Amino acid sequence: MRLCCVLLLALVLLLAGWHRPAASRPRADEDDPLGPLARKVFALANRQRRLHGVHELEWSEALAEPARRHSMDMMRSGFFSHTDLAGSTPGLRLRAASISWSRCGENIFREHGMDDPADAAIEGWMRSPSHRQSLLDPLFTQTGVGIAISPDTDYFITQELIRPLK
């Protein structure tokens, strides 16, 4: 009888534990196996901004989510573009995610076979005039990075950048 009570109490405590307070819940990027790589892209982007005398960007999980979705969409649908197959642009995708902005930008990168996709993305963006301009734009204050990797190890990296609407 005592064992049944202990098992019942354990079950009740286990079920109650499923609803942890918000402060103890993991952030969405902690649930993402590619989250550490996204954070590395973020850190390297801020390093470039510091090197060029531009203030650092603030991480936004709200921006990382549509970035992840866009990277996944490009990987699954077999395209590489700022405009998805439904014709949605970065600004439209951010609005659909209920993100308000006065200025927005997007950097995308695809690579296969490089040792460090984060370094490769930053180097590629710095060599591309339009991506470099977005990366170093002092009007942007927030960013989020999302990454998808295909079964044949193609990395799709999306960086969303905004200046929030005040």
C-alpha atoms as a PDB file:
ATOM      1  CA  MET A   1       0.000   0.000   0.000  1.00  0.00           C
ATOM      2  CA  ARG A   2       2.792   2.355   0.931  1.00  0.00           C
ATOM      3  CA  LEU A   3       4.458   1.795  -2.500  1.00  0.00           C
ATOM      4  CA  CYS A   4       1.187   2.660  -4.283  1.00  0.00           C
ATOM      5  CA  CYS A   5       0.935   5.943  -2.344  1.00  0.00           C
ATOM      6  CA  VAL A   6       4.530   6.821  -3.179  1.00  0.00           C
ATOM      7  CA  LEU A   7       3.979   6.023  -6.865  1.00  0.00           C
ATOM      8  CA  LEU A   8       0.735   8.015  -6.921  1.00  0.00           C
ATOM      9  CA  LEU A   9       2.435  10.992  -5.253  1.00  0.00           C
ATOM     10  CA  ALA A  10       5.337  10.761  -7.739  1.00  0.00           C
ATOM     11  CA  LEU A  11       2.860  10.731 -10.634  1.00  0.00           C
ATOM     12  CA  VAL A  12       1.018  13.777  -9.281  1.00  0.00           C
ATOM     13  CA  LEU A  13       4.298  15.670  -8.788  1.00  0.00           C
ATOM     14  CA  LEU A  14       5.483  14.689 -12.254  1.00  0.00           C
ATOM     15  CA  LEU A  15       2.270  15.884 -13.884  1.00  0.00           C
ATOM     16  CA  ALA A  16       2.354  19.108 -11.878  1.00  0.00           C
ATOM     17  CA  GLY A  17       5.922  19.684 -13.051  1.00  0.00           C
ATOM     18  CA  TRP A  18       4.836  19.943 -16.660  1.00  0.00           C
ATOM     19  CA  HIS A  19       3.626  23.486 -15.946  1.00  0.00           C
ATOM     20  CA  ARG A  20       6.799  25.131 -14.735  1.00  0.00           C
ATOM     21  CA  PRO A  21       6.731  28.878 -14.109  1.00  0.00           C
ATOM     22  CA  ALA A  22       7.705  30.966 -17.133  1.00  0.00           C
ATOM     23  CA  ALA A  23      11.006  32.009 -15.544  1.00  0.00           C
ATOM     24  CA  SER A  24      12.205  28.399 -15.412  1.00  0.00           C
ATOM     25  CA  ARG A  25      11.082  27.431 -18.918  1.00  0.00           C
ATOM     26  CA  PRO A  26      13.846  27.140 -21.496  1.00  0.00           C
ATOM     27  CA  ARG A  27      13.925  29.850 -24.143  1.00  0.00           C
ATOM     28  CA  ALA A  28      12.985  28.734 -27.643  1.00  0.00           C
ATOM     29  CA  ASP A  29      16.589  28.940 -28.880  1.00  0.00           C
ATOM     30  CA  GLU A  30      17.646  26.554 -26.091  1.00  0.00           C
ATOM     31  CA  ASP A  31      15.272  23.969 -27.596  1.00  0.00           C
ATOM     32  CA  ASP A  32      16.830  24.499 -31.036  1.00  0.00           C
ATOM     33  CA  PRO A  33      19.807  22.178 -31.659  1.00  0.00           C
ATOM     34  CA  LEU A  34      21.205  24.812 -34.040  1.00  0.00           C
ATOM     35  CA  GLY A  35      20.719  27.581 -31.461  1.00  0.00           C
ATOM     36  CA  PRO A  36      24.415  27.668 -30.446  1.00  0.00           C
ATOM     37  CA  LEU A  37      25.406  28.107 -34.091  1.00  0.00           C
ATOM     38  CA  ALA A  38      22.835  30.912 -34.475  1.00  0.00           C
ATOM     39  CA  ARG A  39      24.265  32.579 -31.364  1.00  0.00           C
ATOM     40  CA  LYS A  40      27.752  32.313 -32.890  1.00  0.00           C
ATOM     41  CA  VAL A  41      26.535  34.094 -36.051  1.00  0.00           C
ATOM     42  CA  PHE A  42      25.033  36.748 -33.762  1.00  0.00           C
ATOM     43  CA  ALA A  43      28.319  37.168 -31.851  1.00  0.00           C
ATOM     44  CA  LEU A  44      30.375  37.367 -35.052  1.00  0.00           C
ATOM     45  CA  ALA A  45      27.955  39.924 -36.523  1.00  0.00           C
ATOM     46  CA  ASN A  46      28.370  42.080 -33.429  1.00  0.00           C
ATOM     47  CA  ARG A  47      32.143  41.669 -33.648  1.00  0.00           C
ATOM     48  CA  GLN A  48      32.046  43.092 -37.187  1.00  0.00           C
ATOM     49  CA  ARG A  49      29.866  45.961 -36.022  1.00  0.00           C
ATOM     50  CA  ARG A  50      32.321  46.793 -33.202  1.00  0.00           C
ATOM     51  CA  LEU A  51      35.266  46.605 -35.618  1.00  0.00           C
ATOM     52  CA  HIS A  52      33.491  49.126 -37.848  1.00  0.00           C
ATOM     53  CA  GLY A  53      32.491  51.477 -35.030  1.00  0.00           C
ATOM     54  CA  VAL A  54      28.809  50.525 -35.012  1.00  0.00           C
ATOM     55  CA  HIS A  55      26.835  49.733 -31.839  1.00  0.00           C
ATOM     56  CA  GLU A  56      26.063  46.088 -31.155  1.00  0.00           C
ATOM     57  CA  LEU A  57      22.727  44.550 -32.022  1.00  0.00           C
ATOM     58  CA  GLU A  58      20.416  43.194 -29.353  1.00  0.00           C
ATOM     59  CA  TRP A  59      19.294  39.546 -29.682  1.00  0.00           C
ATOM     60  CA  SER A  60      15.571  39.117 -30.298  1.00  0.00           C
ATOM     61  CA  GLU A  61      14.001  35.686 -29.992  1.00  0.00           C
ATOM     62  CA  ALA A  62      10.930  37.193 -31.670  1.00  0.00           C
ATOM     63  CA  LEU A  63      13.107  37.804 -34.762  1.00  0.00           C
ATOM     64  CA  ALA A  64      14.919  34.463 -34.509  1.00  0.00           C
ATOM     65  CA  GLU A  65      11.645  32.583 -34.930  1.00  0.00           C
ATOM     66  CA  PRO A  66      10.740  33.929 -38.416  1.00  0.00           C
ATOM     67  CA  ALA A  67      14.427  33.610 -39.350  1.00  0.00           C
ATOM     68  CA  ARG A  68      14.299  29.905 -38.420  1.00  0.00           C
ATOM     69  CA  ARG A  69      11.049  29.476 -40.361  1.00  0.00           C
ATOM     70  CA  HIS A  70      12.523  31.123 -43.464  1.00  0.00           C
ATOM     71  CA  SER A  71      15.662  28.967 -43.293  1.00  0.00           C
ATOM     72  CA  MET A  72      13.498  25.837 -42.912  1.00  0.00           C
ATOM     73  CA  ASP A  73      11.270  26.934 -45.793  1.00  0.00           C
ATOM     74  CA  MET A  74      14.253  27.483 -48.092  1.00  0.00           C
ATOM     75  CA  MET A  75      15.687  24.089 -47.156  1.00  0.00           C
ATOM     76  CA  ARG A  76      12.418  22.146 -47.502  1.00  0.00           C
ATOM     77  CA  SER A  77      11.200  23.901 -50.652  1.00  0.00           C
ATOM     78  CA  GLY A  78      14.544  23.968 -52.436  1.00  0.00           C
ATOM     79  CA  PHE A  79      14.956  27.694 -53.041  1.00  0.00           C
ATOM     80  CA  PHE A  80      17.377  30.385 -51.900  1.00  0.00           C
ATOM     81  CA  SER A  81      15.914  33.885 -51.927  1.00  0.00           C
ATOM     82  CA  HIS A  82      14.670  36.709 -49.750  1.00  0.00           C
ATOM     83  CA  THR A  83      11.266  36.186 -51.388  1.00  0.00           C
ATOM     84  CA  ASP A  84       9.658  32.847 -50.602  1.00  0.00           C
ATOM     85  CA  LEU A  85       7.708  30.721 -53.087  1.00  0.00           C
ATOM     86  CA  ALA A  86       4.435  32.332 -51.962  1.00  0.00           C
ATOM     87  CA  GLY A  87       5.842  35.777 -52.788  1.00  0.00           C
ATOM     88  CA  SER A  88       6.327  36.845 -49.171  1.00  0.00           C
ATOM     89  CA  THR A  89       9.200  39.254 -48.513  1.00  0.00           C
ATOM     90  CA  PRO A  90      11.105  39.791 -45.244  1.00  0.00           C
ATOM     91  CA  GLY A  91       8.900  42.733 -44.229  1.00  0.00           C
ATOM     92  CA  LEU A  92       5.714  40.776 -44.884  1.00  0.00           C
ATOM     93  CA  ARG A  93       7.002  37.759 -42.932  1.00  0.00           C
ATOM     94  CA  LEU A  94       7.900  39.984 -39.975  1.00  0.00           C
ATOM     95  CA  ARG A  95       4.476  41.635 -40.021  1.00  0.00           C
ATOM     96  CA  ALA A  96       2.849  38.177 -40.172  1.00  0.00           C
ATOM     97  CA  ALA A  97       4.836  37.351 -37.009  1.00  0.00           C
ATOM     98  CA  SER A  98       3.354  40.489 -35.353  1.00  0.00           C
ATOM     99  CA  ILE A  99       6.710  42.269 -35.320  1.00  0.00           C
ATOM    100  CA  SER A 100       6.446  46.045 -35.729  1.00  0.00           C
ATOM    101  CA  TRP A 101       9.398  47.824 -37.284  1.00  0.00           C
ATOM    102  CA  SER A 102      10.319  51.159 -38.795  1.00  0.00           C
ATOM    103  CA  ARG A 103      13.215  49.601 -40.746  1.00  0.00           C
ATOM    104  CA  CYS A 104      13.916  45.968 -41.551  1.00  0.00           C
ATOM    105  CA  GLY A 105      16.523  43.947 -43.396  1.00  0.00           C
ATOM    106  CA  GLU A 106      17.476  40.362 -43.982  1.00  0.00           C
ATOM    107  CA  ASN A 107      20.711  38.537 -44.682  1.00  0.00           C
ATOM    108  CA  ILE A 108      20.635  34.974 -46.011  1.00  0.00           C
ATOM    109  CA  PHE A 109      23.453  32.522 -46.611  1.00  0.00           C
ATOM    110  CA  ARG A 110      23.702  28.984 -47.912  1.00  0.00           C
ATOM    111  CA  GLU A 111      26.785  26.832 -47.659  1.00  0.00           C
ATOM    112  CA  HIS A 112      27.905  23.250 -47.953  1.00  0.00           C
ATOM    113  CA  GLY A 113      31.127  21.648 -46.857  1.00  0.00           C
ATOM    114  CA  MET A 114      32.795  24.503 -44.988  1.00  0.00           C
ATOM    115  CA  ASP A 115      34.309  23.828 -41.577  1.00  0.00           C
ATOM    116  CA  ASP A 116      32.517  26.707 -39.858  1.00  0.00           C
ATOM    117  CA  PRO A 117      29.233  27.882 -41.395  1.00  0.00           C
ATOM    118  CA  ALA A 118      29.011  30.832 -38.958  1.00  0.00           C
ATOM    119  CA  ASP A 119      32.374  32.242 -40.037  1.00  0.00           C
ATOM    120  CA  ALA A 120      31.532  31.539 -43.675  1.00  0.00           C
ATOM    121  CA  ALA A 121      28.207  33.400 -43.385  1.00  0.00           C
ATOM    122  CA  ILE A 122      29.769  36.520 -41.859  1.00  0.00           C
ATOM    123  CA  GLU A 123      32.634  36.495 -44.364  1.00  0.00           C
ATOM    124  CA  GLY A 124      30.172  36.056 -47.238  1.00  0.00           C
ATOM    125  CA  TRP A 125      27.947  38.872 -45.995  1.00  0.00           C
ATOM    126  CA  MET A 126      30.928  41.184 -45.566  1.00  0.00           C
ATOM    127  CA  ARG A 127      31.976  40.525 -49.198  1.00  0.00           C
ATOM    128  CA  SER A 128      28.465  41.244 -50.525  1.00  0.00           C
ATOM    129  CA  PRO A 129      27.819  45.021 -50.708  1.00  0.00           C
ATOM    130  CA  SER A 130      24.079  44.777 -49.905  1.00  0.00           C
ATOM    131  CA  HIS A 131      24.503  42.234 -47.086  1.00  0.00           C
ATOM    132  CA  ARG A 132      27.433  44.178 -45.641  1.00  0.00           C
ATOM    133  CA  GLN A 133      25.315  47.328 -45.663  1.00  0.00           C
ATOM    134  CA  SER A 134      22.551  45.537 -43.722  1.00  0.00           C
ATOM    135  CA  LEU A 135      24.982  43.989 -41.266  1.00  0.00           C
ATOM    136  CA  LEU A 136      26.665  47.323 -40.509  1.00  0.00           C
ATOM    137  CA  ASP A 137      23.601  49.593 -40.734  1.00  0.00           C
ATOM    138  CA  PRO A 138      23.635  51.742 -37.557  1.00  0.00           C
ATOM    139  CA  LEU A 139      19.864  52.207 -37.756  1.00  0.00           C
ATOM    140  CA  PHE A 140      19.279  48.521 -36.956  1.00  0.00           C
ATOM    141  CA  THR A 141      19.138  47.755 -33.237  1.00  0.00           C
ATOM    142  CA  GLN A 142      17.785  44.189 -33.002  1.00  0.00           C
ATOM    143  CA  THR A 143      18.480  40.907 -34.741  1.00  0.00           C
ATOM    144  CA  GLY A 144      17.611  37.238 -34.679  1.00  0.00           C
ATOM    145  CA  VAL A 145      19.271  34.371 -36.525  1.00  0.00           C
ATOM    146  CA  GLY A 146      17.711  31.101 -37.623  1.00  0.00           C
ATOM    147  CA  ILE A 147      19.429  28.118 -39.180  1.00  0.00           C
ATOM    148  CA  ALA A 148      18.303  24.947 -40.923  1.00  0.00           C
ATOM    149  CA  ILE A 149      20.492  22.077 -42.064  1.00  0.00           C
ATOM    150  CA  SER A 150      19.484  19.656 -44.796  1.00  0.00           C
ATOM    151  CA  PRO A 151      20.138  15.904 -44.660  1.00  0.00           C
ATOM    152  CA  ASP A 152      23.059  16.407 -47.058  1.00  0.00           C
ATOM    153  CA  THR A 153      24.480  19.134 -44.745  1.00  0.00           C
ATOM    154  CA  ASP A 154      23.550  22.275 -46.633  1.00  0.00           C
ATOM    155  CA  TYR A 155      23.269  25.093 -44.080  1.00  0.00           C
ATOM    156  CA  PHE A 156      20.605  27.758 -44.615  1.00  0.00           C
ATOM    157  CA  ILE A 157      21.196  30.818 -42.427  1.00  0.00           C
ATOM    158  CA  THR A 158      18.797  33.740 -42.117  1.00  0.00           C
ATOM    159  CA  GLN A 159      19.447  36.906 -40.133  1.00  0.00           C
ATOM    160  CA  GLU A 160      16.546  39.297 -39.556  1.00  0.00           C
ATOM    161  CA  LEU A 161      17.422  42.878 -38.575  1.00  0.00           C
ATOM    162  CA  ILE A 162      15.069  45.632 -37.451  1.00  0.00           C
ATOM    163  CA  ARG A 163      14.711  49.008 -35.900  1.00  0.00           C
ATOM    164  CA  PRO A 164      11.536  48.607 -33.824  1.00  0.00           C
ATOM    165  CA  LEU A 165       8.584  50.882 -34.375  1.00  0.00           C
ATOM    166  CA  LYS A 166       8.400  53.270 -31.434  1.00  0.00           C
END
